[in-house]
């Protein structure tokens, strides 16, 4: 019973690692192809928090998943990610909604900041709304990109997978050989 649970758990972890590797490769290719666009899968982008302006809701090193969102459904209190005109990407809370002839605009403020952000964020600058956060996930993502992280999170699981398959093939061959020998003994 325990063997089955361990095997099942190992398979789930392996599947998650394989998915993470493919998503990472996809994000890398997407960002190289179009450096101006934030990589996303099915409208979801993954980013790491680099400043404490949204503390305690978001802390440095947290990973956030941002969902492309229709600006019309946003409301005060929502945490959004947007691109400043300089290209800098900011994640702050909406404190006021407004509109003009060009569309919706948002006044934002970081939770830890004493003053609101300068100017309004126009809807065309919107990347999306924060869907959820993964505490310290950014540190893990950064570590995976290092040589040690690559070895621990990529090479070791691949080696374990290969060794597991070799063992399964070997066990199958041994069982087949035993069955063949039994047939020969019984046949005589």
N, C-alpha and C. Protein backbone atom coordinates (compact mmCIF):
# COMPACT_ATOMS: atom_id res chain seq x y z
N UNK A 1 0.83 -1.20 0.00
CA UNK A 1 0.00 0.00 0.00
C UNK A 1 0.87 1.26 0.00
N UNK A 2 1.87 1.30 0.88
CA UNK A 2 2.75 2.47 0.97
C UNK A 2 3.54 2.63 -0.32
N UNK A 3 3.95 1.50 -0.90
CA UNK A 3 4.69 1.55 -2.17
C UNK A 3 3.85 2.22 -3.26
N UNK A 4 2.56 1.89 -3.31
CA UNK A 4 1.68 2.47 -4.31
C UNK A 4 1.51 3.97 -4.08
N UNK A 5 1.37 4.39 -2.82
CA UNK A 5 1.21 5.81 -2.50
C UNK A 5 2.47 6.57 -2.89
N UNK A 6 3.64 6.02 -2.56
CA UNK A 6 4.90 6.67 -2.91
C UNK A 6 5.05 6.76 -4.43
N UNK A 7 4.71 5.69 -5.12
CA UNK A 7 4.81 5.68 -6.58
C UNK A 7 3.85 6.69 -7.18
N UNK A 8 2.61 6.75 -6.69
CA UNK A 8 1.63 7.70 -7.17
C UNK A 8 2.09 9.13 -6.90
N UNK A 9 2.57 9.38 -5.69
CA UNK A 9 3.08 10.72 -5.33
C UNK A 9 4.26 11.13 -6.20
N UNK A 10 5.15 10.19 -6.46
CA UNK A 10 6.29 10.47 -7.32
C UNK A 10 5.86 10.81 -8.74
N UNK A 11 4.86 10.09 -9.23
CA UNK A 11 4.34 10.37 -10.58
C UNK A 11 3.71 11.76 -10.65
N UNK A 12 2.96 12.13 -9.63
CA UNK A 12 2.34 13.46 -9.60
C UNK A 12 3.41 14.56 -9.59
N UNK A 13 4.42 14.38 -8.75
CA UNK A 13 5.51 15.36 -8.68
C UNK A 13 6.23 15.44 -10.02
N UNK A 14 6.49 14.32 -10.61
CA UNK A 14 7.17 14.30 -11.90
C UNK A 14 6.35 15.02 -12.97
N UNK A 15 5.06 14.78 -13.00
CA UNK A 15 4.18 15.45 -13.97
C UNK A 15 4.21 16.96 -13.75
N UNK A 16 4.15 17.39 -12.49
CA UNK A 16 4.20 18.82 -12.19
C UNK A 16 5.52 19.44 -12.64
N UNK A 17 6.61 18.73 -12.42
CA UNK A 17 7.93 19.23 -12.84
C UNK A 17 8.00 19.33 -14.36
N UNK A 18 7.52 18.31 -15.05
CA UNK A 18 7.54 18.33 -16.52
C UNK A 18 6.70 19.50 -17.04
N UNK A 19 5.52 19.71 -16.46
CA UNK A 19 4.67 20.84 -16.87
C UNK A 19 5.40 22.15 -16.62
N UNK A 20 6.01 22.30 -15.43
CA UNK A 20 6.74 23.53 -15.10
C UNK A 20 7.89 23.77 -16.07
N UNK A 21 8.59 22.72 -16.45
CA UNK A 21 9.71 22.86 -17.39
C UNK A 21 9.19 23.34 -18.75
N UNK A 22 8.12 22.71 -19.26
CA UNK A 22 7.58 23.11 -20.55
C UNK A 22 7.03 24.53 -20.53
N UNK A 23 6.34 24.90 -19.45
CA UNK A 23 5.83 26.28 -19.34
C UNK A 23 6.99 27.26 -19.28
N UNK A 24 8.04 26.93 -18.55
CA UNK A 24 9.21 27.81 -18.47
C UNK A 24 9.87 27.98 -19.84
N UNK A 25 10.02 26.89 -20.56
CA UNK A 25 10.60 26.97 -21.91
C UNK A 25 9.71 27.81 -22.82
N UNK A 26 8.40 27.61 -22.73
CA UNK A 26 7.46 28.39 -23.53
C UNK A 26 7.57 29.88 -23.21
N UNK A 27 7.61 30.22 -21.90
CA UNK A 27 7.76 31.62 -21.49
C UNK A 27 9.06 32.20 -22.01
N UNK A 28 10.14 31.43 -21.93
CA UNK A 28 11.44 31.91 -22.39
C UNK A 28 11.39 32.20 -23.89
N UNK A 29 10.84 31.28 -24.67
CA UNK A 29 10.75 31.48 -26.11
C UNK A 29 9.84 32.66 -26.45
N UNK A 30 8.73 32.78 -25.74
CA UNK A 30 7.81 33.88 -25.96
C UNK A 30 8.47 35.23 -25.66
N UNK A 31 9.22 35.32 -24.59
CA UNK A 31 9.85 36.59 -24.22
C UNK A 31 10.98 36.95 -25.17
N UNK A 32 11.65 35.96 -25.74
CA UNK A 32 12.72 36.25 -26.71
C UNK A 32 12.13 36.68 -28.06
N UNK A 33 11.00 36.10 -28.40
CA UNK A 33 10.36 36.43 -29.67
C UNK A 33 9.78 37.84 -29.65
N UNK A 34 9.18 38.21 -28.50
CA UNK A 34 8.57 39.53 -28.37
C UNK A 34 8.89 40.10 -26.99
N UNK A 35 10.06 40.75 -26.84
CA UNK A 35 10.48 41.24 -25.53
C UNK A 35 9.55 42.30 -24.92
N UNK A 36 8.75 42.96 -25.74
CA UNK A 36 7.85 44.00 -25.24
C UNK A 36 6.61 43.42 -24.58
N UNK A 37 6.27 42.18 -24.91
CA UNK A 37 5.06 41.56 -24.37
C UNK A 37 5.42 40.64 -23.20
N UNK A 38 4.57 40.67 -22.19
CA UNK A 38 4.77 39.81 -21.03
C UNK A 38 4.29 38.40 -21.41
N UNK A 39 5.14 37.38 -21.24
CA UNK A 39 4.75 36.01 -21.61
C UNK A 39 3.53 35.54 -20.81
N UNK A 40 2.63 34.83 -21.49
CA UNK A 40 1.44 34.32 -20.80
C UNK A 40 1.00 33.01 -21.43
N UNK A 41 0.29 32.24 -20.63
CA UNK A 41 -0.33 31.00 -21.10
C UNK A 41 -1.81 31.10 -20.75
N UNK A 42 -2.66 31.03 -21.76
CA UNK A 42 -4.11 31.11 -21.59
C UNK A 42 -4.51 32.37 -20.82
N UNK A 43 -3.79 33.47 -21.05
CA UNK A 43 -4.12 34.73 -20.40
C UNK A 43 -3.54 34.90 -19.01
N UNK A 44 -2.74 33.94 -18.55
CA UNK A 44 -2.12 34.03 -17.23
C UNK A 44 -0.63 34.30 -17.38
N UNK A 45 -0.13 35.28 -16.64
CA UNK A 45 1.30 35.60 -16.62
C UNK A 45 1.82 35.38 -15.21
N UNK A 46 3.07 34.95 -15.12
CA UNK A 46 3.70 34.71 -13.82
C UNK A 46 4.80 35.73 -13.63
N UNK A 47 4.80 36.39 -12.47
CA UNK A 47 5.80 37.41 -12.18
C UNK A 47 6.27 37.30 -10.74
N UNK A 48 7.43 37.88 -10.48
CA UNK A 48 7.99 37.89 -9.14
C UNK A 48 7.92 39.31 -8.58
N UNK A 49 7.52 39.44 -7.33
CA UNK A 49 7.45 40.74 -6.66
C UNK A 49 8.86 41.16 -6.29
N UNK A 50 9.25 42.37 -6.74
CA UNK A 50 10.61 42.85 -6.51
C UNK A 50 10.72 43.96 -5.49
N UNK A 51 9.57 44.54 -5.08
CA UNK A 51 9.63 45.62 -4.09
C UNK A 51 8.60 45.39 -3.00
N UNK A 52 8.72 46.12 -1.93
CA UNK A 52 7.81 45.98 -0.80
C UNK A 52 6.65 46.95 -0.82
N UNK A 53 6.36 47.57 -1.97
CA UNK A 53 5.31 48.59 -2.02
C UNK A 53 3.91 48.05 -1.74
N UNK A 54 3.71 46.75 -1.86
CA UNK A 54 2.39 46.16 -1.60
C UNK A 54 2.37 45.33 -0.32
N UNK A 55 3.39 45.49 0.51
CA UNK A 55 3.45 44.76 1.77
C UNK A 55 2.34 45.26 2.70
N UNK A 56 1.70 44.44 3.45
CA UNK A 56 1.94 43.03 3.70
C UNK A 56 1.20 42.08 2.75
N UNK A 57 0.37 42.61 1.84
CA UNK A 57 -0.38 41.72 0.93
C UNK A 57 0.58 40.95 0.02
N UNK A 58 1.53 41.65 -0.57
CA UNK A 58 2.55 41.02 -1.40
C UNK A 58 3.92 41.39 -0.85
N UNK A 59 4.77 40.42 -0.69
CA UNK A 59 6.11 40.66 -0.16
C UNK A 59 7.16 40.38 -1.22
N UNK A 60 8.33 40.98 -1.02
CA UNK A 60 9.44 40.73 -1.94
C UNK A 60 9.68 39.23 -1.99
N UNK A 61 9.81 38.71 -3.21
CA UNK A 61 10.05 37.28 -3.40
C UNK A 61 8.80 36.46 -3.65
N UNK A 62 7.62 37.05 -3.42
CA UNK A 62 6.38 36.32 -3.72
C UNK A 62 6.25 36.21 -5.23
N UNK A 63 5.60 35.16 -5.67
CA UNK A 63 5.27 35.00 -7.08
C UNK A 63 3.79 35.34 -7.23
N UNK A 64 3.46 36.12 -8.26
CA UNK A 64 2.05 36.43 -8.51
C UNK A 64 1.66 35.90 -9.88
N UNK A 65 0.41 35.48 -9.97
CA UNK A 65 -0.16 35.04 -11.24
C UNK A 65 -1.19 36.09 -11.61
N UNK A 66 -0.97 36.73 -12.76
CA UNK A 66 -1.81 37.82 -13.21
C UNK A 66 -2.66 37.33 -14.37
N UNK A 67 -3.96 37.57 -14.28
CA UNK A 67 -4.92 37.14 -15.31
C UNK A 67 -5.32 38.33 -16.16
N UNK A 68 -5.20 38.20 -17.49
CA UNK A 68 -5.71 39.24 -18.38
C UNK A 68 -7.18 39.45 -18.04
N UNK A 69 -7.57 40.73 -17.86
CA UNK A 69 -8.91 41.03 -17.38
C UNK A 69 -9.51 42.17 -18.19
N UNK A 70 -10.79 42.09 -18.42
CA UNK A 70 -11.51 43.20 -19.06
C UNK A 70 -11.50 44.37 -18.08
N UNK A 71 -10.99 45.53 -18.48
CA UNK A 71 -10.92 46.67 -17.56
C UNK A 71 -12.29 47.07 -17.00
N UNK A 72 -13.37 46.81 -17.72
CA UNK A 72 -14.71 47.21 -17.28
C UNK A 72 -15.16 46.48 -16.01
N UNK A 73 -14.58 45.31 -15.72
CA UNK A 73 -15.01 44.56 -14.54
C UNK A 73 -14.20 44.89 -13.29
N UNK A 74 -13.16 45.70 -13.44
CA UNK A 74 -12.33 46.05 -12.29
C UNK A 74 -13.05 47.04 -11.38
N UNK A 75 -12.72 46.96 -10.09
CA UNK A 75 -13.34 47.86 -9.11
C UNK A 75 -12.31 48.31 -8.09
N UNK A 76 -12.67 49.29 -7.31
CA UNK A 76 -11.77 49.77 -6.25
C UNK A 76 -11.43 48.61 -5.33
N UNK A 77 -10.16 48.54 -4.96
CA UNK A 77 -9.70 47.47 -4.08
C UNK A 77 -9.02 46.33 -4.82
N UNK A 78 -9.27 46.20 -6.13
CA UNK A 78 -8.60 45.16 -6.92
C UNK A 78 -7.12 45.49 -7.05
N UNK A 79 -6.30 44.45 -7.05
CA UNK A 79 -4.86 44.62 -7.25
C UNK A 79 -4.57 44.31 -8.71
N UNK A 80 -4.00 45.31 -9.40
CA UNK A 80 -3.75 45.17 -10.83
C UNK A 80 -2.26 45.30 -11.12
N UNK A 81 -1.87 44.76 -12.26
CA UNK A 81 -0.51 44.92 -12.77
C UNK A 81 -0.62 45.71 -14.06
N UNK A 82 0.24 46.71 -14.18
CA UNK A 82 0.21 47.56 -15.36
C UNK A 82 1.62 47.94 -15.77
N UNK A 83 1.74 48.38 -17.01
CA UNK A 83 3.03 48.80 -17.55
C UNK A 83 3.03 50.33 -17.61
N UNK A 84 4.02 50.93 -16.92
CA UNK A 84 4.18 52.38 -17.01
C UNK A 84 4.67 52.75 -18.40
N UNK A 85 4.57 54.01 -18.75
CA UNK A 85 5.04 54.46 -20.06
C UNK A 85 6.53 54.18 -20.25
N UNK A 86 7.27 54.14 -19.15
CA UNK A 86 8.71 53.85 -19.23
C UNK A 86 8.99 52.36 -19.47
N UNK A 87 7.95 51.53 -19.38
CA UNK A 87 8.11 50.09 -19.58
C UNK A 87 8.17 49.33 -18.26
N UNK A 88 8.34 50.03 -17.15
CA UNK A 88 8.39 49.40 -15.83
C UNK A 88 7.03 48.76 -15.53
N UNK A 89 7.04 47.58 -14.94
CA UNK A 89 5.81 46.87 -14.61
C UNK A 89 5.54 47.05 -13.12
N UNK A 90 4.34 47.51 -12.79
CA UNK A 90 3.96 47.83 -11.41
C UNK A 90 2.73 47.01 -11.04
N UNK A 91 2.67 46.58 -9.79
CA UNK A 91 1.48 45.92 -9.25
C UNK A 91 1.04 46.71 -8.03
N UNK A 92 -0.11 47.38 -8.13
CA UNK A 92 -0.66 48.19 -7.04
C UNK A 92 -2.17 48.02 -6.98
N UNK A 93 -2.76 48.56 -5.93
CA UNK A 93 -4.20 48.45 -5.69
C UNK A 93 -4.93 49.65 -6.30
N UNK A 94 -6.10 49.39 -6.89
CA UNK A 94 -6.94 50.47 -7.42
C UNK A 94 -7.60 51.18 -6.24
N UNK A 95 -7.45 52.51 -6.21
CA UNK A 95 -8.11 53.29 -5.15
C UNK A 95 -9.20 54.20 -5.72
N UNK A 96 -9.20 54.36 -7.05
CA UNK A 96 -10.22 55.21 -7.67
C UNK A 96 -10.35 54.84 -9.14
N UNK A 97 -11.60 54.85 -9.63
CA UNK A 97 -11.87 54.61 -11.05
C UNK A 97 -12.32 55.92 -11.69
N UNK A 98 -11.95 56.08 -12.95
CA UNK A 98 -12.35 57.27 -13.70
C UNK A 98 -12.43 56.89 -15.17
N UNK A 99 -12.96 57.79 -15.98
CA UNK A 99 -12.97 57.53 -17.41
C UNK A 99 -12.92 58.85 -18.15
N UNK A 100 -12.45 58.77 -19.38
CA UNK A 100 -12.46 59.92 -20.27
C UNK A 100 -12.83 59.44 -21.66
N UNK A 101 -12.66 60.27 -22.66
CA UNK A 101 -13.03 59.89 -24.02
C UNK A 101 -12.21 58.71 -24.55
N UNK A 102 -11.02 58.47 -23.96
CA UNK A 102 -10.14 57.39 -24.42
C UNK A 102 -10.36 56.08 -23.67
N UNK A 103 -11.23 56.07 -22.66
CA UNK A 103 -11.51 54.83 -21.94
C UNK A 103 -11.37 54.97 -20.44
N UNK A 104 -11.28 53.82 -19.78
CA UNK A 104 -11.18 53.78 -18.32
C UNK A 104 -9.79 54.15 -17.84
N UNK A 105 -9.74 54.72 -16.64
CA UNK A 105 -8.46 55.05 -16.00
C UNK A 105 -8.55 54.64 -14.53
N UNK A 106 -7.40 54.33 -13.98
CA UNK A 106 -7.34 53.85 -12.60
C UNK A 106 -6.31 54.66 -11.82
N UNK A 107 -6.69 55.08 -10.63
CA UNK A 107 -5.75 55.69 -9.70
C UNK A 107 -5.31 54.55 -8.79
N UNK A 108 -3.99 54.39 -8.63
CA UNK A 108 -3.46 53.26 -7.86
C UNK A 108 -2.58 53.73 -6.72
N UNK A 109 -2.33 52.80 -5.81
CA UNK A 109 -1.47 53.08 -4.66
C UNK A 109 -0.94 51.75 -4.13
N UNK A 110 0.31 51.74 -3.77
CA UNK A 110 0.87 50.58 -3.09
C UNK A 110 0.41 50.56 -1.65
N UNK A 111 0.06 49.40 -1.12
CA UNK A 111 -0.45 49.31 0.25
C UNK A 111 0.53 49.88 1.27
N UNK A 112 1.84 49.72 1.03
CA UNK A 112 2.84 50.18 1.99
C UNK A 112 3.26 51.64 1.73
N UNK A 113 2.78 52.22 0.65
CA UNK A 113 3.16 53.59 0.31
C UNK A 113 2.29 54.60 1.04
N UNK A 114 2.86 55.74 1.38
CA UNK A 114 2.12 56.80 2.06
C UNK A 114 1.28 57.64 1.10
N UNK A 115 1.69 57.70 -0.15
CA UNK A 115 0.99 58.53 -1.13
C UNK A 115 0.56 57.67 -2.31
N UNK A 116 -0.49 58.15 -2.99
CA UNK A 116 -0.96 57.44 -4.17
C UNK A 116 0.03 57.64 -5.31
N UNK A 117 -0.07 56.78 -6.31
CA UNK A 117 0.81 56.88 -7.48
C UNK A 117 0.47 58.14 -8.26
N UNK A 118 1.47 58.70 -8.91
CA UNK A 118 1.29 59.91 -9.70
C UNK A 118 0.50 59.60 -10.97
N UNK A 119 -0.51 60.40 -11.25
CA UNK A 119 -1.28 60.23 -12.47
C UNK A 119 -2.20 59.02 -12.43
N UNK A 120 -2.87 58.82 -13.57
CA UNK A 120 -3.78 57.70 -13.72
C UNK A 120 -3.17 56.64 -14.62
N UNK A 121 -3.59 55.41 -14.41
CA UNK A 121 -3.20 54.30 -15.28
C UNK A 121 -4.33 54.15 -16.31
N UNK A 122 -4.00 54.22 -17.58
CA UNK A 122 -5.01 54.07 -18.62
C UNK A 122 -5.23 52.58 -18.89
N UNK A 123 -6.42 52.22 -19.31
CA UNK A 123 -6.75 50.80 -19.54
C UNK A 123 -5.83 50.13 -20.54
N UNK A 124 -5.25 50.88 -21.47
CA UNK A 124 -4.34 50.26 -22.45
C UNK A 124 -3.01 49.85 -21.80
N UNK A 125 -2.72 50.36 -20.60
CA UNK A 125 -1.50 50.00 -19.87
C UNK A 125 -1.70 48.74 -19.02
N UNK A 126 -2.94 48.33 -18.87
CA UNK A 126 -3.28 47.22 -17.98
C UNK A 126 -2.73 45.90 -18.51
N UNK A 127 -2.04 45.18 -17.63
CA UNK A 127 -1.60 43.82 -17.94
C UNK A 127 -2.67 42.85 -17.47
N UNK A 128 -3.19 43.07 -16.26
CA UNK A 128 -4.25 42.21 -15.73
C UNK A 128 -4.43 42.39 -14.25
N UNK A 129 -5.27 41.55 -13.70
CA UNK A 129 -5.59 41.56 -12.27
C UNK A 129 -4.86 40.40 -11.60
N UNK A 130 -4.36 40.63 -10.40
CA UNK A 130 -3.67 39.56 -9.67
C UNK A 130 -4.71 38.50 -9.31
N UNK A 131 -4.49 37.28 -9.81
CA UNK A 131 -5.41 36.17 -9.56
C UNK A 131 -5.09 35.50 -8.22
N UNK A 132 -3.80 35.24 -7.99
CA UNK A 132 -3.37 34.68 -6.72
C UNK A 132 -1.88 34.85 -6.56
N UNK A 133 -1.40 34.59 -5.36
CA UNK A 133 0.03 34.72 -5.07
C UNK A 133 0.56 33.41 -4.51
N UNK A 134 1.85 33.21 -4.71
CA UNK A 134 2.54 32.05 -4.15
C UNK A 134 3.66 32.61 -3.28
N UNK A 135 3.48 32.59 -1.95
CA UNK A 135 4.51 33.15 -1.08
C UNK A 135 5.88 32.51 -1.33
N UNK A 136 6.89 33.33 -1.49
CA UNK A 136 8.29 32.93 -1.72
C UNK A 136 8.50 32.20 -3.04
N UNK A 137 7.48 32.09 -3.88
CA UNK A 137 7.60 31.39 -5.15
C UNK A 137 8.61 32.00 -6.08
N UNK A 138 8.81 33.30 -5.98
CA UNK A 138 9.80 33.98 -6.83
C UNK A 138 11.21 33.54 -6.51
N UNK A 139 11.47 33.28 -5.23
CA UNK A 139 12.80 32.79 -4.84
C UNK A 139 13.06 31.42 -5.45
N UNK A 140 12.03 30.57 -5.43
CA UNK A 140 12.18 29.23 -6.01
C UNK A 140 12.43 29.36 -7.52
N UNK A 141 11.65 30.21 -8.19
CA UNK A 141 11.81 30.40 -9.64
C UNK A 141 13.21 30.91 -9.96
N UNK A 142 13.70 31.83 -9.16
CA UNK A 142 15.05 32.37 -9.39
C UNK A 142 16.09 31.28 -9.15
N UNK A 143 15.90 30.46 -8.11
CA UNK A 143 16.86 29.39 -7.80
C UNK A 143 16.90 28.36 -8.93
N UNK A 144 15.75 28.04 -9.51
CA UNK A 144 15.70 27.04 -10.58
C UNK A 144 16.54 27.50 -11.77
N UNK A 145 16.66 28.80 -11.97
CA UNK A 145 17.45 29.32 -13.09
C UNK A 145 18.95 29.27 -12.85
N UNK A 146 19.38 28.95 -11.63
CA UNK A 146 20.81 28.85 -11.34
C UNK A 146 21.29 27.45 -11.72
N UNK A 147 22.61 27.25 -11.86
CA UNK A 147 23.11 25.90 -12.17
C UNK A 147 22.71 24.86 -11.13
N UNK A 148 22.80 25.21 -9.83
CA UNK A 148 22.41 24.25 -8.79
C UNK A 148 20.91 23.94 -8.87
N UNK A 149 20.10 24.97 -9.08
CA UNK A 149 18.66 24.77 -9.20
C UNK A 149 18.31 23.90 -10.39
N UNK A 150 19.02 24.11 -11.51
CA UNK A 150 18.79 23.29 -12.70
C UNK A 150 19.07 21.83 -12.39
N UNK A 151 20.18 21.59 -11.69
CA UNK A 151 20.54 20.20 -11.34
C UNK A 151 19.48 19.60 -10.42
N UNK A 152 19.09 20.33 -9.39
CA UNK A 152 18.15 19.79 -8.39
C UNK A 152 16.74 19.61 -8.97
N UNK A 153 16.26 20.60 -9.71
CA UNK A 153 14.86 20.55 -10.16
C UNK A 153 14.66 19.96 -11.55
N UNK A 154 15.74 19.88 -12.34
CA UNK A 154 15.58 19.35 -13.70
C UNK A 154 16.34 18.03 -13.86
N UNK A 155 17.64 18.06 -13.67
CA UNK A 155 18.45 16.86 -13.93
C UNK A 155 18.13 15.71 -12.97
N UNK A 156 18.04 15.99 -11.68
CA UNK A 156 17.78 14.91 -10.72
C UNK A 156 16.44 14.22 -11.02
N UNK A 157 15.32 14.97 -11.23
CA UNK A 157 14.08 14.27 -11.57
C UNK A 157 14.17 13.47 -12.88
N UNK A 158 14.88 14.01 -13.87
CA UNK A 158 15.03 13.28 -15.14
C UNK A 158 15.81 11.99 -14.90
N UNK A 159 16.88 12.06 -14.11
CA UNK A 159 17.68 10.86 -13.80
C UNK A 159 16.83 9.85 -13.04
N UNK A 160 16.04 10.33 -12.07
CA UNK A 160 15.16 9.43 -11.32
C UNK A 160 14.16 8.77 -12.25
N UNK A 161 13.60 9.54 -13.18
CA UNK A 161 12.66 8.98 -14.15
C UNK A 161 13.33 7.92 -15.00
N UNK A 162 14.52 8.20 -15.51
CA UNK A 162 15.23 7.23 -16.35
C UNK A 162 15.56 5.97 -15.56
N UNK A 163 16.07 6.15 -14.34
CA UNK A 163 16.39 4.98 -13.50
C UNK A 163 15.14 4.16 -13.19
N UNK A 164 14.03 4.83 -12.94
CA UNK A 164 12.77 4.12 -12.69
C UNK A 164 12.34 3.30 -13.89
N UNK A 165 12.49 3.87 -15.08
CA UNK A 165 12.12 3.14 -16.30
C UNK A 165 13.06 1.97 -16.54
N UNK A 166 14.37 2.19 -16.30
CA UNK A 166 15.34 1.09 -16.46
C UNK A 166 14.99 -0.04 -15.50
N UNK A 167 14.66 0.32 -14.26
CA UNK A 167 14.30 -0.69 -13.26
C UNK A 167 13.04 -1.44 -13.69
N UNK A 168 12.04 -0.70 -14.18
CA UNK A 168 10.80 -1.33 -14.62
C UNK A 168 11.06 -2.30 -15.78
N UNK A 169 11.89 -1.87 -16.72
CA UNK A 169 12.23 -2.73 -17.87
C UNK A 169 12.99 -3.96 -17.39
N UNK A 170 13.93 -3.77 -16.46
CA UNK A 170 14.72 -4.88 -15.91
C UNK A 170 13.81 -5.86 -15.17
N UNK A 171 12.92 -5.34 -14.32
CA UNK A 171 11.99 -6.20 -13.58
C UNK A 171 11.11 -7.00 -14.54
N UNK A 172 10.68 -6.35 -15.59
CA UNK A 172 9.85 -7.02 -16.59
C UNK A 172 10.63 -8.14 -17.29
N UNK A 173 11.90 -7.85 -17.62
CA UNK A 173 12.73 -8.86 -18.28
C UNK A 173 12.99 -10.04 -17.35
N UNK A 174 13.27 -9.75 -16.07
CA UNK A 174 13.52 -10.82 -15.09
C UNK A 174 12.26 -11.67 -14.92
N UNK A 175 11.09 -11.03 -14.82
CA UNK A 175 9.84 -11.76 -14.67
C UNK A 175 9.59 -12.63 -15.91
N UNK A 176 9.85 -12.09 -17.08
CA UNK A 176 9.66 -12.84 -18.32
C UNK A 176 10.59 -14.05 -18.37
N UNK A 177 11.82 -13.86 -17.90
CA UNK A 177 12.78 -14.96 -17.89
C UNK A 177 12.33 -16.05 -16.93
N UNK A 178 11.83 -15.65 -15.74
CA UNK A 178 11.33 -16.63 -14.77
C UNK A 178 10.15 -17.40 -15.35
N UNK A 179 9.21 -16.66 -15.95
CA UNK A 179 8.04 -17.31 -16.54
C UNK A 179 8.46 -18.29 -17.63
N UNK A 180 9.47 -17.93 -18.43
CA UNK A 180 9.96 -18.78 -19.50
C UNK A 180 10.57 -20.05 -18.90
N UNK A 181 11.34 -19.87 -17.82
CA UNK A 181 11.97 -21.04 -17.17
C UNK A 181 10.90 -21.95 -16.56
N UNK A 182 9.84 -21.38 -15.96
CA UNK A 182 8.76 -22.17 -15.40
C UNK A 182 8.07 -22.98 -16.49
N UNK A 183 7.84 -22.35 -17.63
CA UNK A 183 7.20 -23.04 -18.74
C UNK A 183 8.07 -24.21 -19.21
N UNK A 184 9.39 -24.01 -19.24
CA UNK A 184 10.29 -25.08 -19.67
C UNK A 184 10.29 -26.23 -18.68
N UNK A 185 10.31 -25.90 -17.37
CA UNK A 185 10.31 -26.95 -16.34
C UNK A 185 9.01 -27.72 -16.37
N UNK A 186 7.90 -26.99 -16.49
CA UNK A 186 6.58 -27.64 -16.51
C UNK A 186 6.42 -28.44 -17.79
N UNK A 187 6.98 -27.96 -18.89
CA UNK A 187 6.85 -28.62 -20.20
C UNK A 187 7.63 -29.92 -20.24
N UNK A 188 8.65 -30.15 -19.42
CA UNK A 188 9.47 -31.36 -19.48
C UNK A 188 8.87 -32.49 -18.77
